Structure formats: structure tokens, C-alpha cells
Amino acid sequence: MRTTTAILFTGALAAFGLVFGAAACGGASFQGNRAEEIDTSSYPADIQASYKVTAQRCSKCHSLARVWESGITDEDYWVRYVERMRHQPGSGITKGDESVILHFLFYYSAQKRDAGASKTAANP
């Protein structure tokens, strides 16, 4: 009986956490800490600074892995995506943050595109 109660209580807490997290960030739920950090030590200083803002703002509502693993490389798409995220309640993304975040995402996407092109050229 205690085991069943404990399981139900744990399930209720998990459900509450998902609902509360979704409400706080406009429908997104935090995904936990998965492959969050990117090694930016070889990036230019301005990109490293942009990364810090990006990581801080984007991780408020979802895992950073969601951003890094999105596969998005189109800059126009990033502009629309970040603007939509900025309008989510609780995101904390200001108009100024939006341009800083885009600065990093454009650089990061270009790195991903270049890496993909190198792999394709190496393996015809």
C-alpha cells in the first residue's frame, strides 16, 4: 500500500512539474540537463560572449540540446524562431538579447554547415 501511494505521489509531483514548467515558459517544458555545454574556447571573444547570453536565456524554458541539435542552419528561420521564443511568457528574452542570441546562432549554424560540407567532401 505504501509503495502504491509513493508511486502515485511521485507521478503527481512529476506531472505538476511539467505543467508548472510549461505554464512558466509559454508551453515549453524543461527537458533536463543533456549535452548542454558547447566548447566555445576556440570561438572569437564576441561569439563566446553571445554564447553566454544564448545559453542563459534559452535554457530557461527548454534544454540547450534542443537548440544545438535542432539542425536549423537557415538564418531567416532562426530570426523567426528566436522572435517567437522572445514572445513566450517567462522567456526573459529582450529585443536586445534577440540580436545577441542570433549573432551566436548564425555563427554556430555556419560552423555546423561548414563541418557538414567538409564531411561530404571527404566522403564522396
C-alpha atoms as a PDB file:
ATOM      1  CA  MET A   1       0.000   0.000   0.000  1.00  0.00           C
ATOM      2  CA  ARG A   2       2.806   2.456   0.857  1.00  0.00           C
ATOM      3  CA  THR A   3       4.590   1.624  -2.380  1.00  0.00           C
ATOM      4  CA  THR A   4       1.473   2.413  -4.423  1.00  0.00           C
ATOM      5  CA  THR A   5       0.968   5.681  -2.565  1.00  0.00           C
ATOM      6  CA  ALA A   6       4.617   6.625  -3.077  1.00  0.00           C
ATOM      7  CA  ILE A   7       4.382   5.876  -6.817  1.00  0.00           C
ATOM      8  CA  LEU A   8       1.187   7.918  -7.158  1.00  0.00           C
ATOM      9  CA  PHE A   9       2.698  10.806  -5.196  1.00  0.00           C
ATOM     10  CA  THR A  10       5.869  10.767  -7.309  1.00  0.00           C
ATOM     11  CA  GLY A  11       3.795  10.697 -10.503  1.00  0.00           C
ATOM     12  CA  ALA A  12       1.682  13.611  -9.286  1.00  0.00           C
ATOM     13  CA  LEU A  13       4.820  15.636  -8.494  1.00  0.00           C
ATOM     14  CA  ALA A  14       6.261  14.916 -11.944  1.00  0.00           C
ATOM     15  CA  ALA A  15       3.019  15.946 -13.639  1.00  0.00           C
ATOM     16  CA  PHE A  16       2.887  19.130 -11.563  1.00  0.00           C
ATOM     17  CA  GLY A  17       6.461  19.945 -12.584  1.00  0.00           C
ATOM     18  CA  LEU A  18       5.671  19.508 -16.272  1.00  0.00           C
ATOM     19  CA  VAL A  19       2.552  21.643 -16.068  1.00  0.00           C
ATOM     20  CA  PHE A  20       4.249  24.335 -13.976  1.00  0.00           C
ATOM     21  CA  GLY A  21       7.270  24.414 -16.301  1.00  0.00           C
ATOM     22  CA  ALA A  22       5.047  24.648 -19.372  1.00  0.00           C
ATOM     23  CA  ALA A  23       2.994  27.459 -17.879  1.00  0.00           C
ATOM     24  CA  ALA A  24       6.060  29.434 -16.862  1.00  0.00           C
ATOM     25  CA  CYS A  25       7.541  29.388 -20.360  1.00  0.00           C
ATOM     26  CA  GLY A  26       4.533  29.582 -22.588  1.00  0.00           C
ATOM     27  CA  GLY A  27       4.035  25.899 -23.259  1.00  0.00           C
ATOM     28  CA  ALA A  28       7.622  24.668 -23.339  1.00  0.00           C
ATOM     29  CA  SER A  29       8.763  22.168 -20.772  1.00  0.00           C
ATOM     30  CA  PHE A  30      12.310  21.967 -19.439  1.00  0.00           C
ATOM     31  CA  GLN A  31      13.987  18.857 -20.729  1.00  0.00           C
ATOM     32  CA  GLY A  32      16.708  18.474 -18.144  1.00  0.00           C
ATOM     33  CA  ASN A  33      20.457  18.781 -18.478  1.00  0.00           C
ATOM     34  CA  ARG A  34      21.532  16.895 -21.627  1.00  0.00           C
ATOM     35  CA  ALA A  35      24.724  17.776 -23.523  1.00  0.00           C
ATOM     36  CA  GLU A  36      24.154  21.376 -22.586  1.00  0.00           C
ATOM     37  CA  GLU A  37      27.575  22.898 -22.880  1.00  0.00           C
ATOM     38  CA  ILE A  38      29.435  23.657 -26.083  1.00  0.00           C
ATOM     39  CA  ASP A  39      33.188  24.176 -26.037  1.00  0.00           C
ATOM     40  CA  THR A  40      33.466  27.737 -27.323  1.00  0.00           C
ATOM     41  CA  SER A  41      37.121  28.221 -26.337  1.00  0.00           C
ATOM     42  CA  SER A  42      38.210  28.364 -29.992  1.00  0.00           C
ATOM     43  CA  TYR A  43      35.440  30.835 -30.922  1.00  0.00           C
ATOM     44  CA  PRO A  44      36.102  34.597 -31.205  1.00  0.00           C
ATOM     45  CA  ALA A  45      35.541  36.569 -27.975  1.00  0.00           C
ATOM     46  CA  ASP A  46      32.350  38.241 -29.214  1.00  0.00           C
ATOM     47  CA  ILE A  47      30.877  34.843 -30.100  1.00  0.00           C
ATOM     48  CA  GLN A  48      31.822  33.471 -26.659  1.00  0.00           C
ATOM     49  CA  ALA A  49      30.002  36.410 -25.044  1.00  0.00           C
ATOM     50  CA  SER A  50      26.971  35.817 -27.282  1.00  0.00           C
ATOM     51  CA  TYR A  51      27.022  32.135 -26.331  1.00  0.00           C
ATOM     52  CA  LYS A  52      26.748  33.001 -22.642  1.00  0.00           C
ATOM     53  CA  VAL A  53      23.597  35.061 -23.233  1.00  0.00           C
ATOM     54  CA  THR A  54      22.175  32.404 -25.546  1.00  0.00           C
ATOM     55  CA  ALA A  55      22.786  29.612 -23.038  1.00  0.00           C
ATOM     56  CA  GLN A  56      21.334  31.638 -20.163  1.00  0.00           C
ATOM     57  CA  ARG A  57      18.176  32.751 -21.954  1.00  0.00           C
ATOM     58  CA  CYS A  58      17.359  29.620 -23.951  1.00  0.00           C
ATOM     59  CA  SER A  59      17.831  27.247 -21.013  1.00  0.00           C
ATOM     60  CA  LYS A  60      15.095  28.998 -19.018  1.00  0.00           C
ATOM     61  CA  CYS A  61      12.383  27.095 -20.871  1.00  0.00           C
ATOM     62  CA  HIS A  62      14.000  24.070 -22.517  1.00  0.00           C
ATOM     63  CA  SER A  63      17.225  22.141 -22.711  1.00  0.00           C
ATOM     64  CA  LEU A  64      20.047  23.673 -24.703  1.00  0.00           C
ATOM     65  CA  ALA A  65      20.380  20.371 -26.526  1.00  0.00           C
ATOM     66  CA  ARG A  66      17.083  21.261 -28.182  1.00  0.00           C
ATOM     67  CA  VAL A  67      18.818  24.276 -29.743  1.00  0.00           C
ATOM     68  CA  TRP A  68      22.172  22.673 -30.556  1.00  0.00           C
ATOM     69  CA  GLU A  69      20.613  19.546 -32.063  1.00  0.00           C
ATOM     70  CA  SER A  70      17.807  21.335 -33.941  1.00  0.00           C
ATOM     71  CA  GLY A  71      19.526  21.032 -37.330  1.00  0.00           C
ATOM     72  CA  ILE A  72      18.489  24.593 -38.187  1.00  0.00           C
ATOM     73  CA  THR A  73      21.032  26.346 -40.403  1.00  0.00           C
ATOM     74  CA  ASP A  74      18.806  28.865 -42.204  1.00  0.00           C
ATOM     75  CA  GLU A  75      19.326  32.356 -40.766  1.00  0.00           C
ATOM     76  CA  ASP A  76      15.815  33.537 -41.706  1.00  0.00           C
ATOM     77  CA  TYR A  77      14.357  30.596 -39.832  1.00  0.00           C
ATOM     78  CA  TRP A  78      16.468  31.419 -36.763  1.00  0.00           C
ATOM     79  CA  VAL A  79      15.184  35.023 -36.843  1.00  0.00           C
ATOM     80  CA  ARG A  80      11.555  33.879 -36.825  1.00  0.00           C
ATOM     81  CA  TYR A  81      12.250  31.179 -34.212  1.00  0.00           C
ATOM     82  CA  VAL A  82      14.050  33.449 -31.730  1.00  0.00           C
ATOM     83  CA  GLU A  83      11.417  36.164 -32.151  1.00  0.00           C
ATOM     84  CA  ARG A  84       8.718  33.606 -31.357  1.00  0.00           C
ATOM     85  CA  MET A  85      10.671  32.468 -28.284  1.00  0.00           C
ATOM     86  CA  ARG A  86      11.091  36.111 -27.179  1.00  0.00           C
ATOM     87  CA  HIS A  87       7.317  36.499 -27.077  1.00  0.00           C
ATOM     88  CA  GLN A  88       6.843  33.438 -24.840  1.00  0.00           C
ATOM     89  CA  PRO A  89       5.795  34.407 -21.320  1.00  0.00           C
ATOM     90  CA  GLY A  90       8.654  33.933 -18.909  1.00  0.00           C
ATOM     91  CA  SER A  91      11.382  33.628 -21.549  1.00  0.00           C
ATOM     92  CA  GLY A  92      13.193  36.730 -20.314  1.00  0.00           C
ATOM     93  CA  ILE A  93      14.482  37.378 -23.832  1.00  0.00           C
ATOM     94  CA  THR A  94      14.589  41.106 -24.554  1.00  0.00           C
ATOM     95  CA  LYS A  95      14.774  42.698 -28.003  1.00  0.00           C
ATOM     96  CA  GLY A  96      18.478  43.351 -27.292  1.00  0.00           C
ATOM     97  CA  ASP A  97      19.007  39.730 -26.274  1.00  0.00           C
ATOM     98  CA  GLU A  98      17.394  38.641 -29.528  1.00  0.00           C
ATOM     99  CA  SER A  99      20.171  40.184 -31.640  1.00  0.00           C
ATOM    100  CA  VAL A 100      22.879  38.772 -29.341  1.00  0.00           C
ATOM    101  CA  ILE A 101      21.338  35.291 -29.492  1.00  0.00           C
ATOM    102  CA  LEU A 102      21.049  35.490 -33.280  1.00  0.00           C
ATOM    103  CA  HIS A 103      24.706  36.550 -33.507  1.00  0.00           C
ATOM    104  CA  PHE A 104      25.698  33.313 -31.802  1.00  0.00           C
ATOM    105  CA  LEU A 105      23.206  31.110 -33.664  1.00  0.00           C
ATOM    106  CA  PHE A 106      24.305  32.435 -37.067  1.00  0.00           C
ATOM    107  CA  TYR A 107      27.939  31.673 -36.206  1.00  0.00           C
ATOM    108  CA  TYR A 108      27.107  28.265 -34.752  1.00  0.00           C
ATOM    109  CA  SER A 109      24.962  27.337 -37.768  1.00  0.00           C
ATOM    110  CA  ALA A 110      27.742  28.367 -40.155  1.00  0.00           C
ATOM    111  CA  GLN A 111      30.156  26.147 -38.201  1.00  0.00           C
ATOM    112  CA  LYS A 112      27.722  23.227 -38.490  1.00  0.00           C
ATOM    113  CA  ARG A 113      27.233  23.843 -42.237  1.00  0.00           C
ATOM    114  CA  ASP A 114      30.989  24.040 -42.808  1.00  0.00           C
ATOM    115  CA  ALA A 115      31.586  20.847 -40.809  1.00  0.00           C
ATOM    116  CA  GLY A 116      28.882  19.065 -42.821  1.00  0.00           C
ATOM    117  CA  ALA A 117      30.400  20.262 -46.101  1.00  0.00           C
ATOM    118  CA  SER A 118      33.842  19.036 -45.006  1.00  0.00           C
ATOM    119  CA  LYS A 119      32.474  15.582 -44.181  1.00  0.00           C
ATOM    120  CA  THR A 120      30.695  15.378 -47.544  1.00  0.00           C
ATOM    121  CA  ALA A 121      33.848  16.436 -49.420  1.00  0.00           C
ATOM    122  CA  ALA A 122      35.940  13.888 -47.509  1.00  0.00           C
ATOM    123  CA  ASN A 123      33.472  11.047 -48.245  1.00  0.00           C
ATOM    124  CA  PRO A 124      32.210  11.486 -51.842  1.00  0.00           C
END
